[in-house]
């Protein structure tokens, strides 16, 4: 991931291409800070998107998605709630 400080954005690189994420710290400052902190720590590295609805959305952020047991995918997190 790459980061910009002034207008926070991140780039997620996948085998299918890149996604540019734009953040809105004025609306959700703690969530933006949390995502960027976890990303800088490498928390998301190697994770998969555990839920995909084509044409609508994707979900990721679960460290269990690195494990082969797909029944666990979508049930993990960083170990705290916001």
C-alpha atoms as a PDB file:
ATOM      1  CA  UNK A   1       0.000   0.000   0.000  1.00  0.00           C
ATOM      2  CA  UNK A   2       1.051   3.534  -0.671  1.00  0.00           C
ATOM      3  CA  UNK A   3      -0.046   6.465   1.474  1.00  0.00           C
ATOM      4  CA  UNK A   4      -0.552  10.180   1.022  1.00  0.00           C
ATOM      5  CA  UNK A   5      -0.572  12.347   4.137  1.00  0.00           C
ATOM      6  CA  UNK A   6      -2.535  15.424   3.047  1.00  0.00           C
ATOM      7  CA  UNK A   7      -5.463  13.819   1.236  1.00  0.00           C
ATOM      8  CA  UNK A   8      -5.361  10.276   2.643  1.00  0.00           C
ATOM      9  CA  UNK A   9      -5.652   7.555   0.053  1.00  0.00           C
ATOM     10  CA  UNK A  10      -4.339   4.041  -0.264  1.00  0.00           C
ATOM     11  CA  UNK A  11      -3.675   1.786  -3.219  1.00  0.00           C
ATOM     12  CA  UNK A  12      -4.489  -1.896  -2.883  1.00  0.00           C
ATOM     13  CA  UNK A  13      -2.639  -4.032  -5.411  1.00  0.00           C
ATOM     14  CA  UNK A  14      -4.119  -7.395  -6.383  1.00  0.00           C
ATOM     15  CA  UNK A  15      -3.433  -9.887  -9.159  1.00  0.00           C
ATOM     16  CA  UNK A  16      -6.410  -8.322 -10.952  1.00  0.00           C
ATOM     17  CA  UNK A  17      -5.097  -4.754 -10.777  1.00  0.00           C
ATOM     18  CA  UNK A  18      -5.070  -1.818  -8.403  1.00  0.00           C
ATOM     19  CA  UNK A  19      -7.827  -0.156  -6.392  1.00  0.00           C
ATOM     20  CA  UNK A  20      -7.555   3.414  -5.169  1.00  0.00           C
ATOM     21  CA  UNK A  21      -9.157   4.016  -1.780  1.00  0.00           C
ATOM     22  CA  UNK A  22     -10.112   7.558  -0.840  1.00  0.00           C
ATOM     23  CA  UNK A  23     -10.780   8.349   2.804  1.00  0.00           C
ATOM     24  CA  UNK A  24     -12.925  11.006   4.454  1.00  0.00           C
ATOM     25  CA  UNK A  25     -11.237  11.860   7.776  1.00  0.00           C
ATOM     26  CA  UNK A  26     -13.601  14.774   8.374  1.00  0.00           C
ATOM     27  CA  UNK A  27     -16.495  12.285   8.503  1.00  0.00           C
ATOM     28  CA  UNK A  28     -14.832   9.278  10.159  1.00  0.00           C
ATOM     29  CA  UNK A  29     -11.457  10.299  11.625  1.00  0.00           C
ATOM     30  CA  UNK A  30     -10.997   7.298  13.912  1.00  0.00           C
ATOM     31  CA  UNK A  31     -11.879   4.784  11.199  1.00  0.00           C
ATOM     32  CA  UNK A  32      -9.486   6.394   8.731  1.00  0.00           C
ATOM     33  CA  UNK A  33      -6.710   6.453  11.333  1.00  0.00           C
ATOM     34  CA  UNK A  34      -7.433   2.829  12.266  1.00  0.00           C
ATOM     35  CA  UNK A  35      -7.343   1.574   8.668  1.00  0.00           C
ATOM     36  CA  UNK A  36      -4.141   3.452   7.849  1.00  0.00           C
ATOM     37  CA  UNK A  37      -2.434   2.294  11.060  1.00  0.00           C
ATOM     38  CA  UNK A  38      -3.315  -1.354  10.408  1.00  0.00           C
ATOM     39  CA  UNK A  39      -2.189  -1.047   6.789  1.00  0.00           C
ATOM     40  CA  UNK A  40       1.158   0.486   7.771  1.00  0.00           C
ATOM     41  CA  UNK A  41       1.677  -2.414  10.215  1.00  0.00           C
ATOM     42  CA  UNK A  42       1.087  -4.905   7.377  1.00  0.00           C
ATOM     43  CA  UNK A  43      -2.105  -6.244   8.953  1.00  0.00           C
ATOM     44  CA  UNK A  44      -3.847  -6.615   5.574  1.00  0.00           C
ATOM     45  CA  UNK A  45      -0.897  -8.163   3.714  1.00  0.00           C
ATOM     46  CA  UNK A  46      -1.736 -11.569   2.278  1.00  0.00           C
ATOM     47  CA  UNK A  47      -5.409 -11.416   3.191  1.00  0.00           C
ATOM     48  CA  UNK A  48      -8.120 -12.203   0.674  1.00  0.00           C
ATOM     49  CA  UNK A  49     -11.477 -10.571   0.138  1.00  0.00           C
ATOM     50  CA  UNK A  50     -13.673 -13.027   2.003  1.00  0.00           C
ATOM     51  CA  UNK A  51     -16.977 -11.706   0.650  1.00  0.00           C
ATOM     52  CA  UNK A  52     -17.529 -10.615  -2.940  1.00  0.00           C
ATOM     53  CA  UNK A  53     -20.813  -9.516  -4.477  1.00  0.00           C
ATOM     54  CA  UNK A  54     -20.085  -8.712  -8.147  1.00  0.00           C
ATOM     55  CA  UNK A  55     -21.105  -5.219  -9.192  1.00  0.00           C
ATOM     56  CA  UNK A  56     -21.798  -4.227  -5.585  1.00  0.00           C
ATOM     57  CA  UNK A  57     -19.033  -4.646  -3.007  1.00  0.00           C
ATOM     58  CA  UNK A  58     -16.123  -6.576  -1.532  1.00  0.00           C
ATOM     59  CA  UNK A  59     -15.208  -7.196   2.107  1.00  0.00           C
ATOM     60  CA  UNK A  60     -11.800  -7.912   3.555  1.00  0.00           C
ATOM     61  CA  UNK A  61      -9.778  -7.295   6.677  1.00  0.00           C
ATOM     62  CA  UNK A  62     -10.006 -10.738   8.250  1.00  0.00           C
ATOM     63  CA  UNK A  63      -6.677 -12.357   9.174  1.00  0.00           C
ATOM     64  CA  UNK A  64      -8.414 -15.764   9.106  1.00  0.00           C
ATOM     65  CA  UNK A  65      -8.719 -15.330   5.322  1.00  0.00           C
ATOM     66  CA  UNK A  66      -5.055 -16.392   5.148  1.00  0.00           C
ATOM     67  CA  UNK A  67      -6.035 -19.850   6.424  1.00  0.00           C
ATOM     68  CA  UNK A  68      -7.352 -22.617   4.152  1.00  0.00           C
ATOM     69  CA  UNK A  69     -10.422 -23.277   6.350  1.00  0.00           C
ATOM     70  CA  UNK A  70     -12.957 -21.049   4.562  1.00  0.00           C
ATOM     71  CA  UNK A  71     -15.523 -21.555   7.333  1.00  0.00           C
ATOM     72  CA  UNK A  72     -13.455 -19.099   9.413  1.00  0.00           C
ATOM     73  CA  UNK A  73     -13.244 -16.428   6.717  1.00  0.00           C
ATOM     74  CA  UNK A  74     -15.106 -13.291   7.760  1.00  0.00           C
ATOM     75  CA  UNK A  75     -15.057 -14.085  11.469  1.00  0.00           C
ATOM     76  CA  UNK A  76     -11.752 -12.485  12.510  1.00  0.00           C
ATOM     77  CA  UNK A  77     -10.415  -8.995  12.939  1.00  0.00           C
ATOM     78  CA  UNK A  78      -7.653  -6.998  14.603  1.00  0.00           C
ATOM     79  CA  UNK A  79      -8.705  -8.048  18.118  1.00  0.00           C
ATOM     80  CA  UNK A  80     -10.722  -4.985  19.092  1.00  0.00           C
ATOM     81  CA  UNK A  81     -13.924  -3.197  18.101  1.00  0.00           C
ATOM     82  CA  UNK A  82     -14.398   0.417  17.104  1.00  0.00           C
END
